[in-house]
Each structure stands twice: as structure tokens, then as C-alpha cells.
Protein backbone atom coordinates (compact mmCIF):
# COMPACT_ATOMS: atom_id res chain seq x y z
CA MET A 1 -49.97 -38.83 54.95
CA ASP A 2 -49.00 -35.81 52.87
CA GLU A 3 -51.53 -33.55 51.18
CA ILE A 4 -51.23 -34.98 47.65
CA THR A 5 -51.47 -38.57 48.90
CA GLU A 6 -54.56 -37.66 50.88
CA GLU A 7 -56.07 -36.04 47.79
CA LEU A 8 -55.31 -39.17 45.74
CA ALA A 9 -57.02 -41.32 48.36
CA ILE A 10 -60.10 -39.10 48.24
CA GLN A 11 -60.21 -39.05 44.45
CA TYR A 12 -59.65 -42.80 44.31
CA ALA A 13 -62.62 -43.37 46.62
CA VAL A 14 -64.85 -41.05 44.57
CA VAL A 15 -63.86 -42.62 41.25
CA ARG A 16 -64.21 -46.16 42.61
CA ARG A 17 -67.70 -45.35 43.86
CA GLU A 18 -68.78 -43.71 40.57
CA PHE A 19 -67.21 -46.30 38.26
CA ILE A 20 -67.58 -49.58 40.11
CA ARG A 21 -66.63 -51.79 37.17
CA ALA A 22 -63.72 -49.63 35.98
CA GLY A 23 -60.37 -51.26 35.38
CA GLY A 24 -57.07 -49.92 36.64
CA GLU A 25 -56.21 -47.76 33.63
CA GLU A 26 -59.67 -46.21 33.55
CA ILE A 27 -59.43 -45.42 37.25
CA VAL A 28 -56.06 -43.75 36.68
CA GLU A 29 -57.46 -41.62 33.85
CA ARG A 30 -60.55 -40.63 35.83
CA ILE A 31 -58.42 -39.60 38.81
CA LEU A 32 -56.13 -37.57 36.53
CA ASP A 33 -59.14 -35.80 35.06
CA ARG A 34 -60.22 -34.76 38.56
CA LEU A 35 -56.83 -33.28 39.54
CA ASP A 36 -55.93 -29.68 38.78
CA ASP A 37 -52.71 -28.59 37.04
CA LYS A 38 -50.91 -27.86 40.31
CA GLN A 39 -51.71 -31.31 41.71
CA GLN A 40 -50.61 -32.96 38.47
CA LEU A 41 -47.38 -30.97 38.56
CA GLU A 42 -46.68 -32.10 42.13
CA LEU A 43 -47.26 -35.72 41.13
CA ALA A 44 -45.06 -35.31 38.06
CA ALA A 45 -42.26 -33.98 40.27
CA GLN A 46 -42.62 -37.04 42.51
CA ALA A 47 -42.52 -39.36 39.50
CA LEU A 48 -39.24 -37.81 38.37
CA SER A 49 -37.63 -39.12 41.53
CA TYR A 50 -38.18 -42.77 40.52
CA THR A 51 -38.31 -42.83 36.74
CA GLU A 52 -35.95 -41.95 33.96
CA GLN A 53 -38.74 -41.82 31.39
CA PRO A 54 -39.05 -38.41 29.82
CA GLY A 55 -42.52 -37.04 29.63
CA GLY A 56 -44.78 -34.11 30.13
CA ARG A 57 -46.68 -33.17 33.25
CA ARG A 58 -49.68 -35.39 32.57
CA GLU A 59 -47.65 -38.44 31.51
CA LEU A 60 -45.49 -38.27 34.63
CA ALA A 61 -48.52 -37.61 36.83
CA ARG A 62 -50.20 -40.63 35.23
CA LEU A 63 -47.25 -42.77 36.31
CA ALA A 64 -47.53 -41.52 39.90
CA VAL A 65 -51.29 -42.09 39.98
CA ALA A 66 -50.89 -45.57 38.46
CA ASN A 67 -48.37 -46.44 41.19
CA PHE A 68 -50.78 -45.16 43.82
CA VAL A 69 -53.70 -47.17 42.42
CA THR A 70 -51.55 -50.31 42.20
CA ALA A 71 -50.42 -49.88 45.81
CA TRP A 72 -53.95 -49.11 47.00
CA GLU A 73 -55.57 -52.08 45.28
CA GLY A 74 -52.70 -54.43 45.96
CA ASP A 75 -51.17 -56.87 43.56
CA PRO A 76 -53.84 -59.36 42.44
CA ASP A 77 -51.09 -61.80 41.43
CA ALA A 78 -49.41 -61.76 44.84
CA PRO A 79 -49.95 -64.85 46.99
CA ASP A 80 -52.32 -64.50 49.93
CA PRO A 81 -50.57 -63.95 53.24
CA VAL A 82 -50.51 -66.99 55.48
């Protein structure tokens, strides 16, 4: 696990514990608020590798965090494994 992924996992756990009833978008925003500019920039750079959407640092970092949260929580619409 790389450093930024580890930091996202930590921040996800903290936000999930503090905001138990938060929905996905609120979790993403709370995580973003907890990251510093350098961390957001690193996430934005990662997001550029898989999106063609133009955007600023925070918008691209939001996309990366949203992908992380979706992967971490799993797809609620996916069928249960057999």
C-alpha cells in the first residue's frame, strides 16, 4: 500500500467513526477537508491518469477520493458472492 492510499484508509476510518450516518458524498468531502494541499495534489495527479475531465486540484482529488470510498465500501448494487 502506498503512502497516499494508507493516508486515505486512515482518514476514511476517522471520518466513518465521526460521521456514522454520513452518505458517500459527505464522506468524500470530509476526507478532502482533512487532507493537506500536497496530499490533494498527489491525488489529483493520480486522477489525471484515468480521467479526461478537466478540473482543479480539489475537483480531481475529489474524484480520486470518491473512487477510493466506492472501492472501500464496495458496490451496494453488486450481487452477493456465492
